[in-house]
Protein backbone atom coordinates (compact mmCIF):
# COMPACT_ATOMS: atom_id res chain seq x y z
CA MET A 1 103.65 130.21 75.93
CA PRO A 2 99.99 129.41 75.22
CA GLN A 3 98.69 130.70 71.91
CA ASN A 4 95.59 131.99 73.70
CA GLN A 5 96.65 134.21 76.54
CA PRO A 6 94.79 133.62 79.81
CA ALA A 7 92.28 136.17 81.09
CA VAL A 8 93.99 136.00 84.47
CA GLY A 9 96.57 138.74 84.90
CA THR A 10 100.31 138.15 84.76
CA ASP A 11 100.66 139.23 88.40
CA SER A 12 98.32 136.46 89.51
CA ILE A 13 100.15 133.92 87.39
CA ALA A 14 103.46 135.02 88.86
CA ALA A 15 102.05 134.85 92.38
CA ALA A 16 100.74 131.32 91.82
CA ALA A 17 104.12 130.24 90.46
CA ALA A 18 105.87 131.78 93.46
CA ARG A 19 103.63 129.92 95.89
CA LEU A 20 104.30 126.55 94.27
CA ARG A 21 108.00 127.32 93.87
CA GLU A 22 108.34 128.04 97.59
CA ALA A 23 106.50 124.84 98.49
CA ALA A 24 108.89 122.80 96.36
CA ALA A 25 111.95 124.58 97.74
CA THR A 26 110.99 124.33 101.40
CA GLY A 27 109.29 120.94 101.37
CA HIS A 28 106.19 122.46 102.95
CA PRO A 29 103.00 122.13 100.88
CA ALA A 30 101.21 125.41 100.17
CA ALA A 31 97.64 126.57 99.96
CA PRO A 32 95.87 125.94 96.64
CA VAL A 33 96.45 128.53 93.91
CA ARG A 34 92.88 128.64 92.63
CA ASP A 35 92.31 131.87 94.56
CA LEU A 36 94.82 133.41 92.15
CA ILE A 37 94.06 131.70 88.83
CA GLY A 38 90.61 130.16 89.24
CA ARG A 39 89.49 126.53 89.46
CA ASP A 40 89.29 125.77 85.76
CA ASP A 41 91.02 128.50 83.74
CA VAL A 42 93.02 126.12 81.56
CA GLU A 43 95.19 128.74 79.89
CA ALA A 44 96.11 130.40 83.19
CA ALA A 45 96.96 127.08 84.79
CA TYR A 46 99.24 126.06 81.93
CA ALA A 47 100.82 129.53 81.97
CA VAL A 48 101.84 128.91 85.60
CA GLN A 49 103.14 125.45 84.71
CA GLN A 50 105.14 126.83 81.79
CA GLN A 51 106.68 129.56 83.91
CA LEU A 52 107.88 127.01 86.46
CA THR A 53 109.08 124.72 83.67
CA ALA A 54 111.10 127.52 82.11
CA GLU A 55 112.70 128.25 85.47
CA ARG A 56 113.72 124.62 85.93
CA ILE A 57 115.21 124.45 82.45
CA LYS A 58 117.14 127.66 83.09
CA ALA A 59 118.48 126.09 86.28
CA GLY A 60 119.83 123.13 84.31
CA ALA A 61 117.03 120.55 84.23
CA THR A 62 116.34 118.66 81.01
CA VAL A 63 112.88 117.79 79.72
CA VAL A 64 112.69 114.05 78.97
CA GLY A 65 108.97 113.63 78.34
CA ARG A 66 105.44 114.28 79.55
CA LYS A 67 102.91 112.71 81.85
CA ILE A 68 99.23 112.57 81.11
CA GLY A 69 96.93 112.73 84.09
CA LEU A 70 93.27 112.27 84.84
CA THR A 71 92.63 109.81 82.01
CA SER A 72 90.69 107.22 83.99
CA ALA A 73 87.19 107.71 85.31
CA ALA A 74 88.36 106.41 88.69
CA VAL A 75 91.08 109.04 89.06
CA GLN A 76 88.84 111.80 87.74
CA GLN A 77 86.28 110.84 90.37
CA GLN A 78 88.96 110.91 93.06
CA LEU A 79 89.95 114.46 92.16
CA GLY A 80 86.60 115.82 91.02
CA VAL A 81 87.57 116.68 87.43
CA ASP A 82 86.30 115.65 84.02
CA GLN A 83 89.18 116.12 81.57
CA PRO A 84 92.82 115.06 81.17
CA ASP A 85 95.81 117.22 81.92
CA PHE A 86 99.54 116.93 81.36
CA GLY A 87 102.81 117.81 83.02
CA VAL A 88 106.49 117.80 82.16
CA LEU A 89 108.95 115.02 83.03
CA PHE A 90 112.47 116.16 83.92
CA ASP A 91 115.62 114.07 83.98
CA ASP A 92 115.82 114.13 87.78
CA MET A 93 112.36 112.56 88.12
CA ALA A 94 113.47 109.12 86.87
CA TYR A 95 114.07 106.30 89.36
CA ALA A 96 115.46 102.91 88.44
CA ASP A 97 113.26 99.82 88.58
CA GLY A 98 113.57 98.34 92.07
CA SER A 99 115.22 101.41 93.56
CA ALA A 100 114.19 103.46 96.60
CA VAL A 101 112.90 107.02 96.62
CA PRO A 102 114.62 109.04 99.35
CA ALA A 103 112.40 110.29 102.17
CA GLY A 104 111.12 113.76 101.43
CA ALA A 105 112.13 113.72 97.76
CA ILE A 106 108.48 113.87 96.65
CA LEU A 107 105.88 115.77 98.64
CA GLN A 108 102.78 113.80 99.71
CA PRO A 109 103.56 110.88 97.38
CA ARG A 110 100.91 108.75 95.74
CA VAL A 111 101.44 106.01 93.19
CA GLU A 112 99.64 104.74 90.13
CA ALA A 113 100.49 102.08 87.57
CA GLU A 114 100.30 102.73 83.86
CA ILE A 115 101.72 102.13 80.41
CA ALA A 116 104.59 104.34 79.28
CA PHE A 117 105.51 104.89 75.66
CA VAL A 118 108.91 105.94 74.34
CA LEU A 119 108.80 107.84 71.06
CA GLU A 120 111.11 107.20 68.14
CA ALA A 121 109.79 110.08 66.02
CA ASP A 122 108.63 113.65 66.61
CA LEU A 123 104.92 114.41 66.88
CA ALA A 124 105.04 117.98 65.65
CA GLU A 125 103.51 117.93 62.16
CA GLY A 126 100.61 116.23 60.44
CA PRO A 127 97.18 115.18 61.71
CA LEU A 128 98.53 113.69 64.95
CA ASP A 129 95.94 110.94 64.71
CA ALA A 130 96.12 107.44 66.17
CA ALA A 131 97.84 105.99 63.11
CA GLN A 132 100.59 108.62 63.22
CA VAL A 133 101.03 108.26 66.96
CA ARG A 134 101.30 104.47 66.76
CA LYS A 135 103.96 104.79 64.07
CA ALA A 136 105.90 107.27 66.23
CA ILE A 137 105.96 105.00 69.29
CA GLY A 138 109.15 102.97 69.58
CA HIS A 139 108.06 100.74 72.43
CA ALA A 140 105.80 100.40 75.46
CA VAL A 141 106.91 99.62 78.99
CA ALA A 142 105.23 99.11 82.37
CA ALA A 143 105.53 102.14 84.61
CA ILE A 144 104.81 103.43 88.08
CA GLU A 145 104.15 107.12 88.31
CA ILE A 146 104.89 108.75 91.65
CA CYS A 147 102.54 111.67 91.92
CA GLY A 148 103.37 114.46 94.31
CA SER A 149 101.51 117.60 95.25
CA ARG A 150 102.90 120.91 96.36
CA VAL A 151 99.34 121.75 97.45
CA ALA A 152 98.56 120.91 101.08
CA ASP A 153 96.39 117.83 101.69
CA TRP A 154 95.97 117.29 97.94
CA ASP A 155 93.23 119.94 98.07
CA ILE A 156 93.30 120.45 94.32
CA SER A 157 90.99 121.65 91.61
CA PHE A 158 91.82 121.18 87.94
CA GLY A 159 93.58 124.55 87.90
CA ASP A 160 95.67 123.70 90.95
CA THR A 161 96.98 120.41 89.59
CA VAL A 162 97.75 121.75 86.11
CA ALA A 163 99.65 124.71 87.58
CA ASP A 164 101.54 122.25 89.81
CA ASN A 165 102.92 120.39 86.78
CA ALA A 166 99.96 117.99 86.83
CA SER A 167 101.09 116.83 90.29
CA ALA A 168 104.16 115.15 88.78
CA GLY A 169 106.76 113.83 91.20
CA GLY A 170 108.71 110.95 89.68
CA TYR A 171 108.44 107.81 87.60
CA VAL A 172 109.85 104.30 87.26
CA LEU A 173 110.04 102.29 84.04
CA GLY A 174 110.11 98.51 83.91
CA ALA A 175 112.83 96.57 82.11
CA ARG A 176 110.78 94.92 79.38
CA ARG A 177 110.34 96.93 76.18
CA VAL A 178 107.63 95.80 73.74
CA ALA A 179 106.71 97.15 70.30
CA LEU A 180 103.06 97.90 69.63
CA THR A 181 103.08 95.20 66.97
CA ASP A 182 103.48 92.72 69.84
CA PHE A 183 101.30 94.39 72.45
CA ASP A 184 97.67 95.54 72.69
CA PRO A 185 97.44 98.46 75.16
CA VAL A 186 93.64 98.24 75.39
CA ALA A 187 93.66 94.61 76.51
CA ALA A 188 96.43 95.05 79.08
CA GLU A 189 95.46 94.29 82.68
CA MET A 190 97.16 96.02 85.60
CA THR A 191 97.56 95.01 89.22
CA MET A 192 99.38 97.17 91.76
CA THR A 193 100.30 96.20 95.31
CA VAL A 194 101.63 98.20 98.25
CA ASP A 195 103.42 96.08 100.85
CA GLY A 196 101.98 92.96 99.26
CA GLU A 197 98.36 94.10 99.38
CA THR A 198 96.49 94.68 96.13
CA VAL A 199 95.42 98.33 96.15
CA SER A 200 94.62 99.08 92.50
CA THR A 201 93.53 97.16 89.43
CA GLY A 202 92.44 98.18 85.97
CA SER A 203 92.93 97.81 82.25
CA GLY A 204 94.11 99.76 79.26
CA ALA A 205 90.52 100.44 78.32
CA ALA A 206 90.24 102.64 81.44
CA CYS A 207 92.69 105.13 79.90
CA LEU A 208 90.48 107.13 77.52
CA GLY A 209 89.40 103.82 75.98
CA ASP A 210 92.94 103.21 74.68
CA PRO A 211 96.23 104.57 76.08
CA VAL A 212 97.17 105.53 72.52
CA ASN A 213 94.16 107.89 72.53
CA ALA A 214 95.72 109.62 75.50
CA VAL A 215 98.94 110.17 73.55
CA VAL A 216 96.91 111.55 70.63
CA TRP A 217 95.27 114.03 73.00
CA LEU A 218 98.65 114.97 74.46
CA ALA A 219 100.36 115.37 71.09
CA ARG A 220 97.70 117.78 69.91
CA ARG A 221 97.56 119.73 73.15
CA ALA A 222 101.35 119.99 73.41
CA ARG A 223 101.56 121.31 69.86
CA GLU A 224 98.86 123.87 70.62
CA LEU A 225 100.95 125.11 73.51
CA GLY A 226 104.06 125.39 71.37
CA GLU A 227 106.08 122.47 72.78
CA PRO A 228 105.37 119.38 70.63
CA LEU A 229 106.45 115.89 71.58
CA ARG A 230 109.88 114.83 70.36
CA ALA A 231 111.67 111.60 69.53
CA ARG A 232 113.20 109.77 72.52
CA GLN A 233 110.77 111.37 74.96
CA VAL A 234 108.90 109.26 77.51
CA VAL A 235 105.12 109.58 77.69
CA LEU A 236 103.33 108.31 80.78
CA SER A 237 99.92 107.67 79.28
CA GLY A 238 97.77 107.75 82.41
CA ALA A 239 96.66 105.58 85.28
CA LEU A 240 94.95 102.27 84.61
CA GLY A 241 93.37 102.33 88.08
CA PRO A 242 93.06 104.53 91.15
CA MET A 243 96.20 106.08 92.60
CA ARG A 244 97.07 105.27 96.18
CA PRO A 245 99.06 107.03 98.92
CA VAL A 246 102.35 105.64 100.16
CA THR A 247 104.33 106.23 103.33
CA PRO A 248 107.99 105.87 104.31
CA GLY A 249 108.89 102.18 104.15
CA SER A 250 106.26 101.30 101.53
CA ALA A 251 107.13 98.87 98.74
CA VAL A 252 105.17 99.17 95.49
CA HIS A 253 104.95 96.49 92.81
CA ALA A 254 102.96 96.62 89.59
CA THR A 255 102.28 94.12 86.83
CA VAL A 256 100.96 94.98 83.38
CA THR A 257 100.11 91.97 81.23
CA GLY A 258 102.32 91.85 78.18
CA LEU A 259 104.84 94.27 79.70
CA GLY A 260 105.92 92.51 82.89
CA THR A 261 106.60 94.13 86.24
CA VAL A 262 107.98 97.31 87.76
CA SER A 263 108.64 98.19 91.40
CA VAL A 264 109.84 100.96 93.68
CA ALA A 265 110.27 101.45 97.42
CA PHE A 266 110.13 104.50 99.66
CA SER A 267 112.90 105.02 102.20
CA GLY A 268 111.87 105.39 105.81
């Protein structure tokens, strides 16, 4: 649990968790939870997220990594926030490159292309600076994140999205794995298409100036909250351009220079 307990009461946190839990279970998006925990109470929002995470782990899910959200100015502008957030990746969120996501598996899906990193060392001790993070990264890979919101119409504040596991839905990793010694994340250029139409472009510099900076932020924040990053975990470092909605039948394809391509479809 967070080291600094939220000012919001435990009853409100439990009520917010219950609302999001029901939305996930029924497939019907719920009203925002900011009426219960506030728009920007960071500790309360992560307390809700951690409660739901603990429930999923108890039910048998395995944590395989984290996703960082709201790292690009474009996405922050879309959602009206001014700081990053993070959510938890579970084993059942992974989809194979070129596979199809079943209809209804992710509520209100939207997609964004980014760089994923796979760790080969823990990030639990030490300064957690860029040098340490770079050393801990085993390889980079192109990725599509499938965002999903349990909040109706994506009507989210910062508190809503953090409580809702940073609007995590699923992710797809490309086949090509590249060490940082052979790849410059800042210089990487991204293009994402939906049904053959270019819908998002960007570069590594759009992700907090350097996607590695995003992992530094995450490593420190995760340790503060008592769940540091571990070896073999996947880190989705944040969108390189605006996220876009998809509908049943959509086909998504992304290219990240130096990392190759990654794609996913959505069943009708």
